[in-house]
Amino acid sequence: MSADPHCIFCKIVAGQIPAKKAYEDDELLVFHDIHPWAPVHVLVIPKAHIASHADVGPEQAPMLGRMLALAPQLMRELGVTNGFRTVINTGRDGGQEVQHLHMHVMGGPRPWAKG
């Protein structure tokens, strides 16, 4: 599995930085956002370092599918019952702040502070 020693998300995967985990398996890690935009806001990341969605190739299609399929399960487990959003910011102009592929999954009563 590839990792970037300077990437904050790779450090979270490695256990070097603590995170409030919501789910983990061999390929994916899900943790609560430290600056949530909604009552429930988690980040779904691959454990392998992929800089952005723009860097994904056909070989990562199953992993991306798993990320999307996991979202409704997580929201149900976290008590979100009336809808949620999934967002993947890609690149500087797309609003990506951490250069590690990640999907925001946000839900809970509206209005949200942002988004």
Protein backbone atom coordinates (compact mmCIF):
# COMPACT_ATOMS: atom_id res chain seq x y z
CA MET A 1 0.00 0.00 0.00
CA SER A 2 1.41 3.38 -0.98
CA ALA A 3 1.67 6.25 1.50
CA ASP A 4 2.92 9.83 1.48
CA PRO A 5 4.90 10.61 4.67
CA HIS A 6 3.80 14.26 4.49
CA CYS A 7 0.06 13.56 4.00
CA ILE A 8 -2.15 14.13 7.04
CA PHE A 9 -4.61 11.42 5.94
CA CYS A 10 -1.79 8.89 5.47
CA LYS A 11 -0.68 9.75 9.02
CA ILE A 12 -4.23 9.09 10.25
CA VAL A 13 -4.24 5.72 8.42
CA ALA A 14 -0.88 4.88 10.05
CA GLY A 15 -2.21 5.79 13.52
CA GLN A 16 0.26 8.67 13.91
CA ILE A 17 -2.59 11.21 14.23
CA PRO A 18 -5.74 10.31 16.17
CA ALA A 19 -9.15 10.35 14.52
CA LYS A 20 -12.67 9.43 15.60
CA LYS A 21 -13.19 6.39 13.39
CA ALA A 22 -16.62 5.41 12.10
CA TYR A 23 -15.55 2.43 9.96
CA GLU A 24 -12.40 0.61 8.89
CA ASP A 25 -11.50 -2.35 6.73
CA ASP A 26 -8.41 -3.43 4.77
CA GLU A 27 -8.96 -0.86 2.02
CA LEU A 28 -10.98 2.05 3.47
CA LEU A 29 -11.03 4.24 6.55
CA VAL A 30 -13.92 6.46 7.61
CA PHE A 31 -13.58 9.12 10.29
CA HIS A 32 -15.50 12.14 11.54
CA ASP A 33 -14.47 15.50 10.07
CA ILE A 34 -12.85 17.78 12.66
CA HIS A 35 -14.60 20.81 11.11
CA PRO A 36 -18.06 19.41 10.27
CA TRP A 37 -20.40 21.20 7.87
CA ALA A 38 -23.39 19.16 9.03
CA PRO A 39 -24.57 17.39 12.20
CA VAL A 40 -23.05 14.16 10.79
CA HIS A 41 -19.97 14.64 8.60
CA VAL A 42 -17.55 11.82 7.88
CA LEU A 43 -14.70 11.40 5.43
CA VAL A 44 -14.30 8.16 3.48
CA ILE A 45 -10.72 7.63 2.32
CA PRO A 46 -8.74 4.85 0.69
CA LYS A 47 -5.90 3.68 2.89
CA ALA A 48 -3.56 3.77 -0.11
CA HIS A 49 -2.41 7.28 -1.01
CA ILE A 50 -4.12 8.57 -4.15
CA ALA A 51 -3.67 12.34 -4.44
CA SER A 52 -7.05 13.17 -5.97
CA HIS A 53 -10.03 11.87 -7.90
CA ALA A 54 -8.23 13.06 -11.06
CA ASP A 55 -5.53 10.44 -10.38
CA VAL A 56 -7.95 7.50 -10.29
CA GLY A 57 -7.70 4.92 -13.06
CA PRO A 58 -9.93 2.02 -14.09
CA GLU A 59 -8.12 -0.24 -11.62
CA GLN A 60 -9.57 1.82 -8.73
CA ALA A 61 -13.20 1.54 -9.96
CA PRO A 62 -14.09 -1.23 -7.46
CA MET A 63 -12.67 0.83 -4.58
CA LEU A 64 -14.64 3.92 -5.66
CA GLY A 65 -17.78 1.81 -5.88
CA ARG A 66 -17.19 0.54 -2.36
CA MET A 67 -16.77 4.13 -1.12
CA LEU A 68 -20.14 5.11 -2.60
CA ALA A 69 -21.89 1.94 -1.47
CA LEU A 70 -20.64 2.44 2.08
CA ALA A 71 -22.20 5.93 2.41
CA PRO A 72 -25.86 4.89 2.97
CA GLN A 73 -24.84 2.17 5.43
CA LEU A 74 -22.78 4.66 7.45
CA MET A 75 -25.50 7.28 7.47
CA ARG A 76 -28.05 4.74 8.73
CA GLU A 77 -25.63 3.59 11.45
CA LEU A 78 -24.99 7.22 12.45
CA GLY A 79 -28.72 7.98 12.73
CA VAL A 80 -29.23 9.97 9.52
CA THR A 81 -32.70 9.11 8.25
CA ASN A 82 -33.79 11.96 5.99
CA GLY A 83 -31.07 12.20 3.33
CA PHE A 84 -27.40 13.02 2.98
CA ARG A 85 -24.85 14.49 0.56
CA THR A 86 -21.72 12.95 -0.90
CA VAL A 87 -19.01 15.31 -2.18
CA ILE A 88 -15.59 14.68 -3.72
CA ASN A 89 -13.63 17.90 -4.17
CA THR A 90 -10.96 17.43 -6.84
CA GLY A 91 -7.91 19.66 -7.28
CA ARG A 92 -7.31 23.24 -6.20
CA ASP A 93 -10.09 24.70 -8.37
CA GLY A 94 -12.46 21.97 -7.12
CA GLY A 95 -11.92 22.99 -3.50
CA GLN A 96 -9.72 20.06 -2.46
CA GLU A 97 -7.76 21.02 0.66
CA VAL A 98 -6.02 17.73 1.51
CA GLN A 99 -4.19 16.05 -1.36
CA HIS A 100 -5.47 12.55 -0.60
CA LEU A 101 -8.64 11.28 -2.29
CA HIS A 102 -11.54 11.61 0.12
CA MET A 103 -15.32 11.67 -0.01
CA HIS A 104 -17.35 13.83 2.35
CA VAL A 105 -20.62 12.27 3.50
CA MET A 106 -22.85 14.77 5.31
CA GLY A 107 -26.30 14.44 6.79
CA GLY A 108 -28.62 15.47 9.56
CA PRO A 109 -31.18 18.21 10.06
CA ARG A 110 -30.84 21.28 7.85
CA PRO A 111 -29.91 24.10 7.62
CA TRP A 112 -26.23 23.27 7.69
CA ALA A 113 -23.59 25.85 8.43
CA LYS A 114 -22.02 25.37 4.98
CA GLY A 115 -22.45 23.43 1.77
